[in-house]
Structures are given as structure tokens and as C-alpha cells.
C-alpha atoms as a PDB file:
ATOM      1  CA  MET A   1       1.151 -20.505   0.819  1.00  0.00           C
ATOM      2  CA  VAL A   2       3.370 -17.560  -0.055  1.00  0.00           C
ATOM      3  CA  ASN A   3       5.542 -16.531   2.889  1.00  0.00           C
ATOM      4  CA  GLN A   4       7.920 -13.649   3.472  1.00  0.00           C
ATOM      5  CA  THR A   5       9.822 -13.326   6.730  1.00  0.00           C
ATOM      6  CA  ALA A   6      10.893  -9.862   7.871  1.00  0.00           C
ATOM      7  CA  ALA A   7      12.139  -8.824  11.290  1.00  0.00           C
ATOM      8  CA  GLY A   8      11.662 -12.375  12.565  1.00  0.00           C
ATOM      9  CA  ARG A   9       7.888 -12.429  11.880  1.00  0.00           C
ATOM     10  CA  PRO A  10       6.128 -14.509   9.228  1.00  0.00           C
ATOM     11  CA  PHE A  11       4.124 -12.513   6.689  1.00  0.00           C
ATOM     12  CA  THR A  12       1.913 -13.759   3.878  1.00  0.00           C
ATOM     13  CA  LEU A  13       0.049 -12.293   0.951  1.00  0.00           C
ATOM     14  CA  ARG A  14      -3.472 -11.380   2.028  1.00  0.00           C
ATOM     15  CA  ALA A  15      -6.314 -11.102  -0.464  1.00  0.00           C
ATOM     16  CA  GLY A  16      -9.130  -8.613  -0.193  1.00  0.00           C
ATOM     17  CA  GLY A  17      -8.322  -6.432   2.783  1.00  0.00           C
ATOM     18  CA  THR A  18     -11.507  -4.438   2.235  1.00  0.00           C
ATOM     19  CA  GLY A  19     -13.188  -6.421  -0.515  1.00  0.00           C
ATOM     20  CA  VAL A  20     -13.229  -9.808  -2.142  1.00  0.00           C
ATOM     21  CA  GLY A  21     -14.055  -9.089  -5.792  1.00  0.00           C
ATOM     22  CA  ASN A  22     -12.154  -7.828  -8.808  1.00  0.00           C
ATOM     23  CA  GLY A  23      -9.654  -5.139  -7.887  1.00  0.00           C
ATOM     24  CA  ALA A  24      -9.309  -6.114  -4.214  1.00  0.00           C
ATOM     25  CA  LYS A  25      -5.808  -5.169  -3.059  1.00  0.00           C
ATOM     26  CA  ILE A  26      -3.222  -7.790  -2.206  1.00  0.00           C
ATOM     27  CA  GLN A  27      -1.339  -6.887   0.960  1.00  0.00           C
ATOM     28  CA  LEU A  28       1.626  -8.203   2.910  1.00  0.00           C
ATOM     29  CA  TRP A  29       0.117  -9.110   6.294  1.00  0.00           C
ATOM     30  CA  ALA A  30       1.150 -10.899   9.494  1.00  0.00           C
ATOM     31  CA  TYR A  31       0.063 -14.517   9.180  1.00  0.00           C
ATOM     32  CA  GLY A  32      -3.150 -15.279  11.062  1.00  0.00           C
ATOM     33  CA  GLY A  33      -4.238 -18.505   9.363  1.00  0.00           C
ATOM     34  CA  GLY A  34      -7.202 -17.076   7.447  1.00  0.00           C
ATOM     35  CA  SER A  35      -8.270 -18.566   4.120  1.00  0.00           C
ATOM     36  CA  ASN A  36      -7.578 -15.176   2.497  1.00  0.00           C
ATOM     37  CA  GLN A  37      -3.905 -15.770   3.387  1.00  0.00           C
ATOM     38  CA  GLN A  38      -3.775 -19.247   1.870  1.00  0.00           C
ATOM     39  CA  TRP A  39      -2.974 -19.521  -1.824  1.00  0.00           C
ATOM     40  CA  LYS A  40      -3.307 -22.466  -4.163  1.00  0.00           C
ATOM     41  CA  PRO A  41      -0.840 -22.486  -7.091  1.00  0.00           C
ATOM     42  CA  VAL A  42      -2.796 -23.597 -10.169  1.00  0.00           C
ATOM     43  CA  ALA A  43      -0.431 -25.042 -12.805  1.00  0.00           C
ATOM     44  CA  ALA A  44      -0.711 -23.844 -16.414  1.00  0.00           C
ATOM     45  CA  ALA A  45       0.368 -25.804 -19.485  1.00  0.00           C
ATOM     46  CA  ASN A  46       3.307 -23.448 -20.185  1.00  0.00           C
ATOM     47  CA  GLY A  47       5.048 -24.163 -16.855  1.00  0.00           C
ATOM     48  CA  THR A  48       3.765 -21.088 -15.028  1.00  0.00           C
ATOM     49  CA  TYR A  49       1.447 -20.955 -12.031  1.00  0.00           C
ATOM     50  CA  THR A  50      -1.553 -18.798 -11.237  1.00  0.00           C
ATOM     51  CA  PRO A  51      -1.960 -18.319  -7.465  1.00  0.00           C
ATOM     52  CA  SER A  52      -5.588 -18.389  -6.330  1.00  0.00           C
ATOM     53  CA  PRO A  53      -6.754 -17.457  -2.809  1.00  0.00           C
ATOM     54  CA  ARG A  54      -8.550 -20.291  -1.031  1.00  0.00           C
ATOM     55  CA  SER A  55     -11.047 -17.704   0.259  1.00  0.00           C
ATOM     56  CA  ASN A  56     -12.319 -16.866  -3.222  1.00  0.00           C
ATOM     57  CA  THR A  57     -12.077 -19.560  -5.880  1.00  0.00           C
ATOM     58  CA  GLY A  58     -12.365 -18.205  -9.389  1.00  0.00           C
ATOM     59  CA  GLU A  59     -10.184 -15.223  -8.442  1.00  0.00           C
ATOM     60  CA  CYS A  60      -6.420 -15.078  -9.030  1.00  0.00           C
ATOM     61  CA  LEU A  61      -3.347 -13.046  -8.130  1.00  0.00           C
ATOM     62  CA  ASP A  62      -3.071 -10.419 -10.876  1.00  0.00           C
ATOM     63  CA  VAL A  63      -0.585  -7.668 -11.771  1.00  0.00           C
ATOM     64  CA  THR A  64      -2.690  -4.510 -12.128  1.00  0.00           C
ATOM     65  CA  ASP A  65      -2.931  -3.366 -15.772  1.00  0.00           C
ATOM     66  CA  THR A  66      -0.372  -6.060 -16.751  1.00  0.00           C
ATOM     67  CA  SER A  67       2.306  -3.593 -15.627  1.00  0.00           C
ATOM     68  CA  THR A  68       5.982  -4.494 -15.939  1.00  0.00           C
ATOM     69  CA  ALA A  69       7.177  -1.437 -13.983  1.00  0.00           C
ATOM     70  CA  ASP A  70       8.970  -1.568 -10.640  1.00  0.00           C
ATOM     71  CA  GLY A  71       6.424  -1.104  -7.856  1.00  0.00           C
ATOM     72  CA  ALA A  72       3.544  -2.552  -9.871  1.00  0.00           C
ATOM     73  CA  ARG A  73       0.518  -3.264  -7.700  1.00  0.00           C
ATOM     74  CA  LEU A  74      -1.006  -6.686  -7.168  1.00  0.00           C
ATOM     75  CA  GLN A  75      -4.726  -7.282  -6.999  1.00  0.00           C
ATOM     76  CA  GLN A  76      -7.271 -10.065  -6.972  1.00  0.00           C
ATOM     77  CA  TRP A  77      -9.058 -10.524 -10.316  1.00  0.00           C
ATOM     78  CA  SER A  78     -11.211 -13.090 -12.075  1.00  0.00           C
ATOM     79  CA  CYS A  79      -8.956 -15.839 -13.428  1.00  0.00           C
ATOM     80  CA  THR A  80      -8.269 -15.239 -17.114  1.00  0.00           C
ATOM     81  CA  GLY A  81      -5.162 -17.315 -17.801  1.00  0.00           C
ATOM     82  CA  GLY A  82      -3.477 -14.149 -19.109  1.00  0.00           C
ATOM     83  CA  SER A  83       0.126 -13.054 -18.668  1.00  0.00           C
ATOM     84  CA  ALA A  84      -0.790 -10.739 -15.748  1.00  0.00           C
ATOM     85  CA  GLN A  85      -1.643 -13.886 -13.767  1.00  0.00           C
ATOM     86  CA  ALA A  86       1.292 -16.096 -14.821  1.00  0.00           C
ATOM     87  CA  PHE A  87       4.042 -16.575 -12.216  1.00  0.00           C
ATOM     88  CA  THR A  88       7.028 -18.903 -11.902  1.00  0.00           C
ATOM     89  CA  ILE A  89       8.354 -20.487  -8.726  1.00  0.00           C
ATOM     90  CA  THR A  90      12.100 -20.154  -8.248  1.00  0.00           C
ATOM     91  CA  ALA A  91      14.154 -21.618  -5.393  1.00  0.00           C
ATOM     92  CA  GLN A  92      16.827 -19.354  -3.969  1.00  0.00           C
END
């Protein structure tokens, strides 16, 4: 699960606010326990992870258009194993 806490409330990434297929927006949402808020980190051979929503196997967290710009949008997309779906986990 990916969590972000702001103003004392737990938030998670939520897949498919209005859809569940390719291009569905990823949103920061108050945690409600839904499967679209639960993410499974799938390990890749190169040490990165591809988060996949438990609500829609075969789909992955994806950076829209493989953008590297600040403010790039996240979406749900068919898992490709490409760089737009490769993330690292860093402790802070």
C-alpha cells in the first residue's frame, strides 16, 4: 500500500476514479479500504518495482507519456515493463 499522511489523515493512491482501463487517472484519496486503493509492488529484475492495483490485475501505475517533467500525471495502464512503470522504494 502506498500511503501519504497530510493534515493528520491517511491518504492513498486510488486507481480508476471514473474508469478502470488504460488511461484511468490515479488520485490521492482518503483511505477507505477499497481494492482500488491497495497496490502490489511487483519486483523487476533490475531492482525496480511496478505497482499494480489489486482491483485490476494486469494494469500498472504508469507515468503518462513517460514524462520526466515536474507535475507529470500518473495513470493506470496495461503492464508493459517499460521505464514509465519502473519505480524504486526509498526509505526516508
